[in-house]
Amino acid sequence: YIPANADIYKYKTEDGTVVYTDTPLGKNASLILKSRKSPADAFNGKYRKLYKNIRKYYPIVKKRAKEYSVDPDLIRAMITVESNWFPMAVSSKGAMGLMQLMPRTAKALEVNNPFDPDENIDGGIKYFRMLLDLFKGNLRYALAAYNSGPTRVRSDSYFPEGSETRRYVVKVLSIYGGEDKFEYIPLRRDLHPKPIYRLVLEDGTLLFTDTPHLSGGTNF
């Protein structure tokens, strides 16, 4: 909790996580917002929008995460890193929306409008659920696969110090609260009513889908 009339400071932790606080913590902290009288002015437009988006879209996260037996707090951490809760976000590589789905992945997941928050979050959580099952509940591998593709995740040797994937995993886990908080829950059978097919994307990424005409492959 940050009082409405507090100064707000910004600093980065050693793993690169950006933290906002009303207490200056060391030389790396920089003042980004002076205290103001009105609670409505406590945050500038950017941070008010962020707070508004979290309040607006987190109920969708909770609903969809429950359907796929995934901790909503984990998905919240992923969205914070992926798109910072901006539903129209597009990365330099073309990833779209809150959980940053690539066009081919969105199509395979039957996400017709990647900029629709409900569709995008549903598709992103569904995909992450597939990765969790593929890697037998290994959270670190599933997160790495979400960031860089499952076929590239072979061993810890793939995550050199300073690599984008390693930074991504560390950042998500630091926001989430670490792997100690994670509990792998096997997916209920009624959530897999269809056969699962294997799809190899253009970049070599292996994807599992319940849509056979997109798979071009065999029943998994």
C-alpha atoms as a PDB file:
ATOM      1  CA  TYR A   1       0.000   0.000   0.000  1.00  0.00           C
ATOM      2  CA  ILE A   2       1.321   3.437  -0.998  1.00  0.00           C
ATOM      3  CA  PRO A   3      -0.323   6.493   0.593  1.00  0.00           C
ATOM      4  CA  ALA A   4      -1.940   8.879  -1.867  1.00  0.00           C
ATOM      5  CA  ASN A   5       0.207  11.767  -0.649  1.00  0.00           C
ATOM      6  CA  ALA A   6       3.533   9.915  -0.848  1.00  0.00           C
ATOM      7  CA  ASP A   7       6.479  10.484  -3.155  1.00  0.00           C
ATOM      8  CA  ILE A   8       6.938   7.538  -5.507  1.00  0.00           C
ATOM      9  CA  TYR A   9      10.375   6.130  -6.329  1.00  0.00           C
ATOM     10  CA  LYS A  10      11.428   3.686  -9.033  1.00  0.00           C
ATOM     11  CA  TYR A  11      14.371   1.309  -8.882  1.00  0.00           C
ATOM     12  CA  LYS A  12      15.546  -1.978 -10.361  1.00  0.00           C
ATOM     13  CA  THR A  13      16.450  -5.110  -8.430  1.00  0.00           C
ATOM     14  CA  GLU A  14      19.524  -7.158  -9.355  1.00  0.00           C
ATOM     15  CA  ASP A  15      17.447  -9.393 -11.649  1.00  0.00           C
ATOM     16  CA  GLY A  16      16.081  -6.372 -13.517  1.00  0.00           C
ATOM     17  CA  THR A  17      12.634  -6.246 -11.912  1.00  0.00           C
ATOM     18  CA  VAL A  18      11.231  -2.703 -11.776  1.00  0.00           C
ATOM     19  CA  VAL A  19       9.844  -1.794  -8.341  1.00  0.00           C
ATOM     20  CA  TYR A  20       7.809   1.254  -7.345  1.00  0.00           C
ATOM     21  CA  THR A  21       7.850   2.338  -3.710  1.00  0.00           C
ATOM     22  CA  ASP A  22       7.320   5.337  -1.437  1.00  0.00           C
ATOM     23  CA  THR A  23      10.702   4.672   0.206  1.00  0.00           C
ATOM     24  CA  PRO A  24      14.000   5.585  -1.545  1.00  0.00           C
ATOM     25  CA  LEU A  25      16.120   2.432  -1.510  1.00  0.00           C
ATOM     26  CA  GLY A  26      19.749   3.233  -2.175  1.00  0.00           C
ATOM     27  CA  LYS A  27      21.424   5.195  -4.939  1.00  0.00           C
ATOM     28  CA  ASN A  28      19.584   3.377  -7.736  1.00  0.00           C
ATOM     29  CA  ALA A  29      16.195   4.771  -6.681  1.00  0.00           C
ATOM     30  CA  SER A  30      14.882   7.688  -8.733  1.00  0.00           C
ATOM     31  CA  LEU A  31      11.972   9.961  -7.848  1.00  0.00           C
ATOM     32  CA  ILE A  32       9.291   9.682 -10.536  1.00  0.00           C
ATOM     33  CA  LEU A  33       6.314  11.315  -8.848  1.00  0.00           C
ATOM     34  CA  LYS A  34       6.126  14.033  -6.205  1.00  0.00           C
ATOM     35  CA  SER A  35       3.420  13.832  -3.577  1.00  0.00           C
ATOM     36  CA  ARG A  36       0.128  15.484  -4.381  1.00  0.00           C
ATOM     37  CA  LYS A  37      -2.897  16.352  -2.336  1.00  0.00           C
ATOM     38  CA  SER A  38      -5.609  14.423  -4.168  1.00  0.00           C
ATOM     39  CA  PRO A  39      -5.734  10.589  -4.300  1.00  0.00           C
ATOM     40  CA  ALA A  40      -6.762  10.929  -7.948  1.00  0.00           C
ATOM     41  CA  ASP A  41      -3.437  12.637  -8.634  1.00  0.00           C
ATOM     42  CA  ALA A  42      -1.297  10.124  -6.742  1.00  0.00           C
ATOM     43  CA  PHE A  43      -0.365   8.376  -9.963  1.00  0.00           C
ATOM     44  CA  ASN A  44       0.221   9.995 -13.300  1.00  0.00           C
ATOM     45  CA  GLY A  45      -1.816   8.876 -16.301  1.00  0.00           C
ATOM     46  CA  LYS A  46       0.411   5.940 -17.154  1.00  0.00           C
ATOM     47  CA  TYR A  47       0.212   4.279 -13.772  1.00  0.00           C
ATOM     48  CA  ARG A  48      -3.479   5.030 -13.342  1.00  0.00           C
ATOM     49  CA  LYS A  49      -4.062   3.257 -16.649  1.00  0.00           C
ATOM     50  CA  LEU A  50      -1.992   0.279 -15.522  1.00  0.00           C
ATOM     51  CA  TYR A  51      -3.933   0.011 -12.281  1.00  0.00           C
ATOM     52  CA  LYS A  52      -7.220   0.323 -14.174  1.00  0.00           C
ATOM     53  CA  ASN A  53      -6.235  -2.409 -16.634  1.00  0.00           C
ATOM     54  CA  ILE A  54      -5.250  -4.810 -13.863  1.00  0.00           C
ATOM     55  CA  ARG A  55      -8.594  -4.295 -12.161  1.00  0.00           C
ATOM     56  CA  LYS A  56     -10.387  -4.754 -15.476  1.00  0.00           C
ATOM     57  CA  TYR A  57      -8.608  -7.842 -16.802  1.00  0.00           C
ATOM     58  CA  TYR A  58      -7.596  -9.785 -13.697  1.00  0.00           C
ATOM     59  CA  PRO A  59     -11.138 -11.196 -13.257  1.00  0.00           C
ATOM     60  CA  ILE A  60     -10.723 -12.750 -16.727  1.00  0.00           C
ATOM     61  CA  VAL A  61      -7.401 -14.213 -15.619  1.00  0.00           C
ATOM     62  CA  LYS A  62      -8.987 -15.737 -12.516  1.00  0.00           C
ATOM     63  CA  LYS A  63     -11.837 -17.253 -14.511  1.00  0.00           C
ATOM     64  CA  ARG A  64      -9.695 -18.754 -17.269  1.00  0.00           C
ATOM     65  CA  ALA A  65      -6.930 -19.885 -14.924  1.00  0.00           C
ATOM     66  CA  LYS A  66      -9.478 -21.818 -12.883  1.00  0.00           C
ATOM     67  CA  GLU A  67     -10.740 -23.549 -16.037  1.00  0.00           C
ATOM     68  CA  TYR A  68      -7.229 -24.780 -16.850  1.00  0.00           C
ATOM     69  CA  SER A  69      -6.133 -25.448 -13.254  1.00  0.00           C
ATOM     70  CA  VAL A  70      -3.369 -22.840 -13.280  1.00  0.00           C
ATOM     71  CA  ASP A  71      -2.582 -20.409 -10.445  1.00  0.00           C
ATOM     72  CA  PRO A  72      -3.989 -17.000 -11.498  1.00  0.00           C
ATOM     73  CA  ASP A  73      -1.146 -15.248  -9.662  1.00  0.00           C
ATOM     74  CA  LEU A  74       1.303 -16.983 -11.990  1.00  0.00           C
ATOM     75  CA  ILE A  75      -0.605 -15.771 -15.040  1.00  0.00           C
ATOM     76  CA  ARG A  76      -0.719 -12.288 -13.518  1.00  0.00           C
ATOM     77  CA  ALA A  77       3.081 -12.321 -13.266  1.00  0.00           C
ATOM     78  CA  MET A  78       3.380 -13.527 -16.867  1.00  0.00           C
ATOM     79  CA  ILE A  79       1.101 -10.778 -18.181  1.00  0.00           C
ATOM     80  CA  THR A  80       3.058  -8.160 -16.224  1.00  0.00           C
ATOM     81  CA  VAL A  81       6.253  -9.253 -17.962  1.00  0.00           C
ATOM     82  CA  GLU A  82       4.716  -9.995 -21.374  1.00  0.00           C
ATOM     83  CA  SER A  83       2.581  -6.912 -22.029  1.00  0.00           C
ATOM     84  CA  ASN A  84       2.392  -4.962 -18.755  1.00  0.00           C
ATOM     85  CA  TRP A  85      -1.403  -5.292 -18.972  1.00  0.00           C
ATOM     86  CA  PHE A  86      -1.742  -3.388 -22.266  1.00  0.00           C
ATOM     87  CA  PRO A  87      -4.249  -5.319 -24.450  1.00  0.00           C
ATOM     88  CA  MET A  88      -3.083  -3.698 -27.696  1.00  0.00           C
ATOM     89  CA  ALA A  89       0.621  -4.407 -27.134  1.00  0.00           C
ATOM     90  CA  VAL A  90       2.585  -5.660 -30.159  1.00  0.00           C
ATOM     91  CA  SER A  91       6.211  -6.746 -29.787  1.00  0.00           C
ATOM     92  CA  SER A  92       8.972  -6.192 -32.330  1.00  0.00           C
ATOM     93  CA  LYS A  93       8.563  -9.860 -33.301  1.00  0.00           C
ATOM     94  CA  GLY A  94       4.823  -9.532 -33.843  1.00  0.00           C
ATOM     95  CA  ALA A  95       3.539 -11.040 -30.583  1.00  0.00           C
ATOM     96  CA  MET A  96       0.128  -9.614 -29.742  1.00  0.00           C
ATOM     97  CA  GLY A  97      -2.049  -8.768 -26.769  1.00  0.00           C
ATOM     98  CA  LEU A  98      -1.849  -9.347 -23.049  1.00  0.00           C
ATOM     99  CA  MET A  99       0.008 -12.669 -23.099  1.00  0.00           C
ATOM    100  CA  GLN A 100       1.797 -11.831 -26.369  1.00  0.00           C
ATOM    101  CA  LEU A 101       0.636 -14.562 -28.752  1.00  0.00           C
ATOM    102  CA  MET A 102       2.437 -14.954 -32.066  1.00  0.00           C
ATOM    103  CA  PRO A 103       0.095 -14.949 -35.113  1.00  0.00           C
ATOM    104  CA  ARG A 104       0.579 -18.631 -35.979  1.00  0.00           C
ATOM    105  CA  THR A 105       0.211 -19.683 -32.354  1.00  0.00           C
ATOM    106  CA  ALA A 106      -2.957 -17.608 -31.994  1.00  0.00           C
ATOM    107  CA  LYS A 107      -4.393 -19.276 -35.091  1.00  0.00           C
ATOM    108  CA  ALA A 108      -3.548 -22.749 -33.814  1.00  0.00           C
ATOM    109  CA  LEU A 109      -5.255 -21.924 -30.529  1.00  0.00           C
ATOM    110  CA  GLU A 110      -8.323 -20.632 -32.407  1.00  0.00           C
ATOM    111  CA  VAL A 111      -7.881 -17.116 -31.088  1.00  0.00           C
ATOM    112  CA  ASN A 112      -9.741 -15.157 -33.765  1.00  0.00           C
ATOM    113  CA  ASN A 113      -9.005 -11.724 -32.321  1.00  0.00           C
ATOM    114  CA  PRO A 114      -5.703 -11.570 -30.412  1.00  0.00           C
ATOM    115  CA  PHE A 115      -6.589  -8.077 -29.189  1.00  0.00           C
ATOM    116  CA  ASP A 116      -9.736  -9.269 -27.477  1.00  0.00           C
ATOM    117  CA  PRO A 117      -8.589  -9.677 -23.844  1.00  0.00           C
ATOM    118  CA  ASP A 118     -10.827 -12.646 -23.089  1.00  0.00           C
ATOM    119  CA  GLU A 119      -9.843 -14.557 -26.229  1.00  0.00           C
ATOM    120  CA  ASN A 120      -6.167 -13.750 -25.830  1.00  0.00           C
ATOM    121  CA  ILE A 121      -5.969 -14.655 -22.148  1.00  0.00           C
ATOM    122  CA  ASP A 122      -7.892 -17.871 -22.743  1.00  0.00           C
ATOM    123  CA  GLY A 123      -5.559 -18.853 -25.583  1.00  0.00           C
ATOM    124  CA  GLY A 124      -2.426 -17.890 -23.664  1.00  0.00           C
ATOM    125  CA  ILE A 125      -3.383 -19.844 -20.553  1.00  0.00           C
ATOM    126  CA  LYS A 126      -4.447 -22.827 -22.657  1.00  0.00           C
ATOM    127  CA  TYR A 127      -1.060 -22.808 -24.398  1.00  0.00           C
ATOM    128  CA  PHE A 128       0.824 -22.457 -21.117  1.00  0.00           C
ATOM    129  CA  ARG A 129      -1.213 -25.318 -19.671  1.00  0.00           C
ATOM    130  CA  MET A 130      -0.101 -27.498 -22.597  1.00  0.00           C
ATOM    131  CA  LEU A 131       3.511 -26.557 -21.888  1.00  0.00           C
ATOM    132  CA  LEU A 132       3.159 -27.393 -18.197  1.00  0.00           C
ATOM    133  CA  ASP A 133       1.861 -30.833 -19.104  1.00  0.00           C
ATOM    134  CA  LEU A 134       4.515 -31.299 -21.794  1.00  0.00           C
ATOM    135  CA  PHE A 135       7.297 -30.592 -19.281  1.00  0.00           C
ATOM    136  CA  LYS A 136       5.681 -32.643 -16.490  1.00  0.00           C
ATOM    137  CA  GLY A 137       4.971 -29.640 -14.301  1.00  0.00           C
ATOM    138  CA  ASN A 138       8.486 -28.156 -14.484  1.00  0.00           C
ATOM    139  CA  LEU A 139       7.636 -24.482 -14.086  1.00  0.00           C
ATOM    140  CA  ARG A 140      11.016 -23.151 -15.183  1.00  0.00           C
ATOM    141  CA  TYR A 141      10.958 -25.151 -18.426  1.00  0.00           C
ATOM    142  CA  ALA A 142       7.321 -24.283 -19.142  1.00  0.00           C
ATOM    143  CA  LEU A 143       8.042 -20.569 -18.738  1.00  0.00           C
ATOM    144  CA  ALA A 144      11.144 -20.825 -20.912  1.00  0.00           C
ATOM    145  CA  ALA A 145       9.110 -22.637 -23.565  1.00  0.00           C
ATOM    146  CA  TYR A 146       6.434 -19.958 -23.482  1.00  0.00           C
ATOM    147  CA  ASN A 147       9.120 -17.366 -24.112  1.00  0.00           C
ATOM    148  CA  SER A 148      11.228 -19.108 -26.739  1.00  0.00           C
ATOM    149  CA  GLY A 149       9.349 -22.202 -27.941  1.00  0.00           C
ATOM    150  CA  PRO A 150       9.216 -25.737 -26.525  1.00  0.00           C
ATOM    151  CA  THR A 151      11.557 -27.371 -29.029  1.00  0.00           C
ATOM    152  CA  ARG A 152      14.403 -25.102 -27.933  1.00  0.00           C
ATOM    153  CA  VAL A 153      14.059 -26.050 -24.299  1.00  0.00           C
ATOM    154  CA  ARG A 154      16.301 -29.081 -23.892  1.00  0.00           C
ATOM    155  CA  SER A 155      18.397 -28.556 -20.805  1.00  0.00           C
ATOM    156  CA  ASP A 156      19.673 -25.901 -18.426  1.00  0.00           C
ATOM    157  CA  SER A 157      22.544 -25.302 -20.844  1.00  0.00           C
ATOM    158  CA  TYR A 158      20.061 -23.424 -23.033  1.00  0.00           C
ATOM    159  CA  PHE A 159      19.731 -20.684 -20.412  1.00  0.00           C
ATOM    160  CA  PRO A 160      23.094 -18.895 -20.340  1.00  0.00           C
ATOM    161  CA  GLU A 161      23.530 -16.050 -17.903  1.00  0.00           C
ATOM    162  CA  GLY A 162      22.083 -12.870 -19.338  1.00  0.00           C
ATOM    163  CA  SER A 163      20.033 -14.532 -22.077  1.00  0.00           C
ATOM    164  CA  GLU A 164      16.563 -13.190 -22.843  1.00  0.00           C
ATOM    165  CA  THR A 165      14.915 -16.462 -21.843  1.00  0.00           C
ATOM    166  CA  ARG A 166      16.751 -16.635 -18.534  1.00  0.00           C
ATOM    167  CA  ARG A 167      15.847 -13.029 -17.730  1.00  0.00           C
ATOM    168  CA  TYR A 168      12.231 -13.737 -18.610  1.00  0.00           C
ATOM    169  CA  VAL A 169      11.994 -16.774 -16.340  1.00  0.00           C
ATOM    170  CA  VAL A 170      13.709 -15.016 -13.432  1.00  0.00           C
ATOM    171  CA  LYS A 171      11.526 -11.935 -13.783  1.00  0.00           C
ATOM    172  CA  VAL A 172       8.260 -13.907 -13.873  1.00  0.00           C
ATOM    173  CA  LEU A 173       9.296 -16.027 -10.899  1.00  0.00           C
ATOM    174  CA  SER A 174      10.389 -12.989  -8.887  1.00  0.00           C
ATOM    175  CA  ILE A 175       7.011 -11.316  -9.436  1.00  0.00           C
ATOM    176  CA  TYR A 176       5.140 -14.550  -8.798  1.00  0.00           C
ATOM    177  CA  GLY A 177       7.010 -15.323  -5.605  1.00  0.00           C
ATOM    178  CA  GLY A 178       9.363 -18.100  -6.673  1.00  0.00           C
ATOM    179  CA  GLU A 179       8.978 -21.750  -7.580  1.00  0.00           C
ATOM    180  CA  ASP A 180       8.244 -22.628  -3.953  1.00  0.00           C
ATOM    181  CA  LYS A 181       4.813 -21.087  -4.433  1.00  0.00           C
ATOM    182  CA  PHE A 182       3.996 -23.199  -7.487  1.00  0.00           C
ATOM    183  CA  GLU A 183       1.955 -26.372  -7.284  1.00  0.00           C
ATOM    184  CA  TYR A 184       1.512 -28.567 -10.355  1.00  0.00           C
ATOM    185  CA  ILE A 185      -2.080 -29.767 -10.609  1.00  0.00           C
ATOM    186  CA  PRO A 186      -2.764 -32.450 -13.249  1.00  0.00           C
ATOM    187  CA  LEU A 187      -5.404 -31.247 -15.681  1.00  0.00           C
ATOM    188  CA  ARG A 188      -8.869 -32.704 -15.242  1.00  0.00           C
ATOM    189  CA  ARG A 189      -9.802 -35.150 -17.977  1.00  0.00           C
ATOM    190  CA  ASP A 190     -12.948 -33.241 -18.866  1.00  0.00           C
ATOM    191  CA  LEU A 191     -10.780 -30.345 -20.029  1.00  0.00           C
ATOM    192  CA  HIS A 192      -9.247 -32.566 -22.716  1.00  0.00           C
ATOM    193  CA  PRO A 193     -12.371 -33.830 -24.511  1.00  0.00           C
ATOM    194  CA  LYS A 194     -10.677 -33.806 -27.927  1.00  0.00           C
ATOM    195  CA  PRO A 195      -7.570 -35.580 -29.271  1.00  0.00           C
ATOM    196  CA  ILE A 196      -4.398 -33.509 -29.108  1.00  0.00           C
ATOM    197  CA  TYR A 197      -2.443 -32.984 -32.339  1.00  0.00           C
ATOM    198  CA  ARG A 198       1.149 -31.954 -32.831  1.00  0.00           C
ATOM    199  CA  LEU A 199       1.978 -28.859 -34.877  1.00  0.00           C
ATOM    200  CA  VAL A 200       5.436 -27.648 -35.888  1.00  0.00           C
ATOM    201  CA  LEU A 201       5.480 -23.887 -36.395  1.00  0.00           C
ATOM    202  CA  GLU A 202       7.563 -22.111 -39.026  1.00  0.00           C
ATOM    203  CA  ASP A 203      10.319 -21.343 -36.544  1.00  0.00           C
ATOM    204  CA  GLY A 204      10.530 -24.977 -35.477  1.00  0.00           C
ATOM    205  CA  THR A 205       8.422 -24.497 -32.365  1.00  0.00           C
ATOM    206  CA  LEU A 206       6.432 -27.569 -31.399  1.00  0.00           C
ATOM    207  CA  LEU A 207       2.820 -26.827 -30.476  1.00  0.00           C
ATOM    208  CA  PHE A 208       0.036 -29.109 -29.328  1.00  0.00           C
ATOM    209  CA  THR A 209      -3.493 -28.335 -30.465  1.00  0.00           C
ATOM    210  CA  ASP A 210      -6.947 -29.915 -30.546  1.00  0.00           C
ATOM    211  CA  THR A 211      -7.555 -28.555 -34.061  1.00  0.00           C
ATOM    212  CA  PRO A 212      -6.564 -31.270 -36.598  1.00  0.00           C
ATOM    213  CA  HIS A 213      -6.713 -29.137 -39.753  1.00  0.00           C
ATOM    214  CA  LEU A 214      -4.044 -26.860 -38.283  1.00  0.00           C
ATOM    215  CA  SER A 215      -1.754 -29.633 -37.183  1.00  0.00           C
ATOM    216  CA  GLY A 216      -0.569 -31.092 -40.462  1.00  0.00           C
ATOM    217  CA  GLY A 217       0.713 -33.878 -38.291  1.00  0.00           C
ATOM    218  CA  THR A 218      -0.291 -36.896 -36.315  1.00  0.00           C
ATOM    219  CA  ASN A 219      -2.532 -37.560 -33.358  1.00  0.00           C
ATOM    220  CA  PHE A 220      -0.467 -37.046 -30.227  1.00  0.00           C
END
